[in-house]
Amino acid sequence: MLTQKFLAHLAKLPRAERMSLIEAFLQSSKLKIQDPEAEKKKAAEWEEVLRRRREFKVETFDLGEDVIVDRDEIYADRGL
């Protein structure tokens, strides 16, 4: 629905304003399109980050009974 309202409003604008909006949209799109070499470099950096990550082991423990957490009760002490 919002898109239809936007397009209806856009149709009412003068041609010059429509063209300036299209140009602004294209400039924004050009900024988002990156150089393929930069994309390869970014992917290589991400692979390095993933390579350096180490696995970890999660140890479980038992509190002796089930703990029911009541968010309202916790925050009531803080006055929130």
C-alpha atoms as a PDB file:
ATOM      1  CA  MET A   1       0.000   0.000   0.000  1.00  0.00           C
ATOM      2  CA  LEU A   2       2.833   2.355   0.850  1.00  0.00           C
ATOM      3  CA  THR A   3       4.440   1.715  -2.531  1.00  0.00           C
ATOM      4  CA  GLN A   4       1.213   2.568  -4.327  1.00  0.00           C
ATOM      5  CA  LYS A   5       0.906   5.839  -2.403  1.00  0.00           C
ATOM      6  CA  PHE A   6       4.540   6.643  -3.178  1.00  0.00           C
ATOM      7  CA  LEU A   7       4.077   5.965  -6.884  1.00  0.00           C
ATOM      8  CA  ALA A   8       0.885   8.023  -6.976  1.00  0.00           C
ATOM      9  CA  HIS A   9       2.712  10.923  -5.332  1.00  0.00           C
ATOM     10  CA  LEU A  10       5.655  10.452  -7.681  1.00  0.00           C
ATOM     11  CA  ALA A  11       3.369  10.626 -10.725  1.00  0.00           C
ATOM     12  CA  LYS A  12       2.125  14.041  -9.578  1.00  0.00           C
ATOM     13  CA  LEU A  13       5.638  15.516  -9.430  1.00  0.00           C
ATOM     14  CA  PRO A  14       7.022  17.579 -12.286  1.00  0.00           C
ATOM     15  CA  ARG A  15       9.268  15.743 -14.741  1.00  0.00           C
ATOM     16  CA  ALA A  16      12.418  17.568 -13.566  1.00  0.00           C
ATOM     17  CA  GLU A  17      11.874  16.474  -9.956  1.00  0.00           C
ATOM     18  CA  ARG A  18      11.215  12.888 -11.060  1.00  0.00           C
ATOM     19  CA  MET A  19      14.458  12.896 -13.029  1.00  0.00           C
ATOM     20  CA  SER A  20      16.408  14.238 -10.047  1.00  0.00           C
ATOM     21  CA  LEU A  21      14.951  11.490  -7.851  1.00  0.00           C
ATOM     22  CA  ILE A  22      15.943   8.854 -10.401  1.00  0.00           C
ATOM     23  CA  GLU A  23      19.472  10.279 -10.580  1.00  0.00           C
ATOM     24  CA  ALA A  24      19.763  10.246  -6.785  1.00  0.00           C
ATOM     25  CA  PHE A  25      18.584   6.636  -6.747  1.00  0.00           C
ATOM     26  CA  LEU A  26      21.151   5.682  -9.399  1.00  0.00           C
ATOM     27  CA  GLN A  27      23.967   7.402  -7.487  1.00  0.00           C
ATOM     28  CA  SER A  28      22.950   5.535  -4.348  1.00  0.00           C
ATOM     29  CA  SER A  29      22.921   2.258  -6.270  1.00  0.00           C
ATOM     30  CA  LYS A  30      26.336   2.932  -7.757  1.00  0.00           C
ATOM     31  CA  LEU A  31      27.768   3.402  -4.282  1.00  0.00           C
ATOM     32  CA  LYS A  32      26.400   0.031  -3.236  1.00  0.00           C
ATOM     33  CA  ILE A  33      27.928  -1.755  -6.221  1.00  0.00           C
ATOM     34  CA  GLN A  34      31.505  -2.444  -5.269  1.00  0.00           C
ATOM     35  CA  ASP A  35      34.618  -3.333  -7.175  1.00  0.00           C
ATOM     36  CA  PRO A  36      34.918  -7.118  -7.685  1.00  0.00           C
ATOM     37  CA  GLU A  37      38.488  -7.067  -6.353  1.00  0.00           C
ATOM     38  CA  ALA A  38      37.287  -5.380  -3.162  1.00  0.00           C
ATOM     39  CA  GLU A  39      34.657  -8.103  -2.810  1.00  0.00           C
ATOM     40  CA  LYS A  40      37.331 -10.799  -3.184  1.00  0.00           C
ATOM     41  CA  LYS A  41      39.494  -9.072  -0.571  1.00  0.00           C
ATOM     42  CA  LYS A  42      36.564  -8.815   1.828  1.00  0.00           C
ATOM     43  CA  ALA A  43      35.756 -12.521   1.324  1.00  0.00           C
ATOM     44  CA  ALA A  44      39.396 -13.449   1.947  1.00  0.00           C
ATOM     45  CA  GLU A  45      39.440 -11.409   5.165  1.00  0.00           C
ATOM     46  CA  TRP A  46      36.254 -13.154   6.325  1.00  0.00           C
ATOM     47  CA  GLU A  47      37.778 -16.561   5.560  1.00  0.00           C
ATOM     48  CA  GLU A  48      40.792 -15.592   7.676  1.00  0.00           C
ATOM     49  CA  VAL A  49      38.513 -14.631  10.565  1.00  0.00           C
ATOM     50  CA  LEU A  50      36.697 -17.947  10.301  1.00  0.00           C
ATOM     51  CA  ARG A  51      40.008 -19.829  10.111  1.00  0.00           C
ATOM     52  CA  ARG A  52      41.297 -18.197  13.301  1.00  0.00           C
ATOM     53  CA  ARG A  53      38.202 -19.042  15.312  1.00  0.00           C
ATOM     54  CA  ARG A  54      38.670 -21.881  17.716  1.00  0.00           C
ATOM     55  CA  GLU A  55      36.116 -24.390  18.812  1.00  0.00           C
ATOM     56  CA  PHE A  56      35.018 -24.302  22.410  1.00  0.00           C
ATOM     57  CA  LYS A  57      33.290 -26.744  24.657  1.00  0.00           C
ATOM     58  CA  VAL A  58      30.236 -25.790  26.644  1.00  0.00           C
ATOM     59  CA  GLU A  59      30.050 -27.366  30.054  1.00  0.00           C
ATOM     60  CA  THR A  60      26.605 -27.835  31.511  1.00  0.00           C
ATOM     61  CA  PHE A  61      25.878 -27.685  35.211  1.00  0.00           C
ATOM     62  CA  ASP A  62      22.923 -28.342  37.452  1.00  0.00           C
ATOM     63  CA  LEU A  63      21.576 -25.804  39.938  1.00  0.00           C
ATOM     64  CA  GLY A  64      19.777 -28.541  41.824  1.00  0.00           C
ATOM     65  CA  GLU A  65      16.325 -27.370  40.835  1.00  0.00           C
ATOM     66  CA  ASP A  66      14.526 -25.710  37.968  1.00  0.00           C
ATOM     67  CA  VAL A  67      15.012 -21.973  37.870  1.00  0.00           C
ATOM     68  CA  ILE A  68      12.090 -19.953  36.564  1.00  0.00           C
ATOM     69  CA  VAL A  69      13.116 -16.468  35.580  1.00  0.00           C
ATOM     70  CA  ASP A  70      10.464 -13.795  35.959  1.00  0.00           C
ATOM     71  CA  ARG A  71      11.613 -10.722  34.074  1.00  0.00           C
ATOM     72  CA  ASP A  72       9.175  -8.399  35.848  1.00  0.00           C
ATOM     73  CA  GLU A  73      10.398  -9.562  39.239  1.00  0.00           C
ATOM     74  CA  ILE A  74      14.038  -9.040  38.269  1.00  0.00           C
ATOM     75  CA  TYR A  75      13.467  -5.495  37.018  1.00  0.00           C
ATOM     76  CA  ALA A  76      11.147  -4.540  39.869  1.00  0.00           C
ATOM     77  CA  ASP A  77      14.175  -4.181  42.138  1.00  0.00           C
ATOM     78  CA  ARG A  78      15.697  -1.681  39.731  1.00  0.00           C
ATOM     79  CA  GLY A  79      12.568   0.421  39.544  1.00  0.00           C
ATOM     80  CA  LEU A  80      12.262  -0.015  35.789  1.00  0.00           C
END
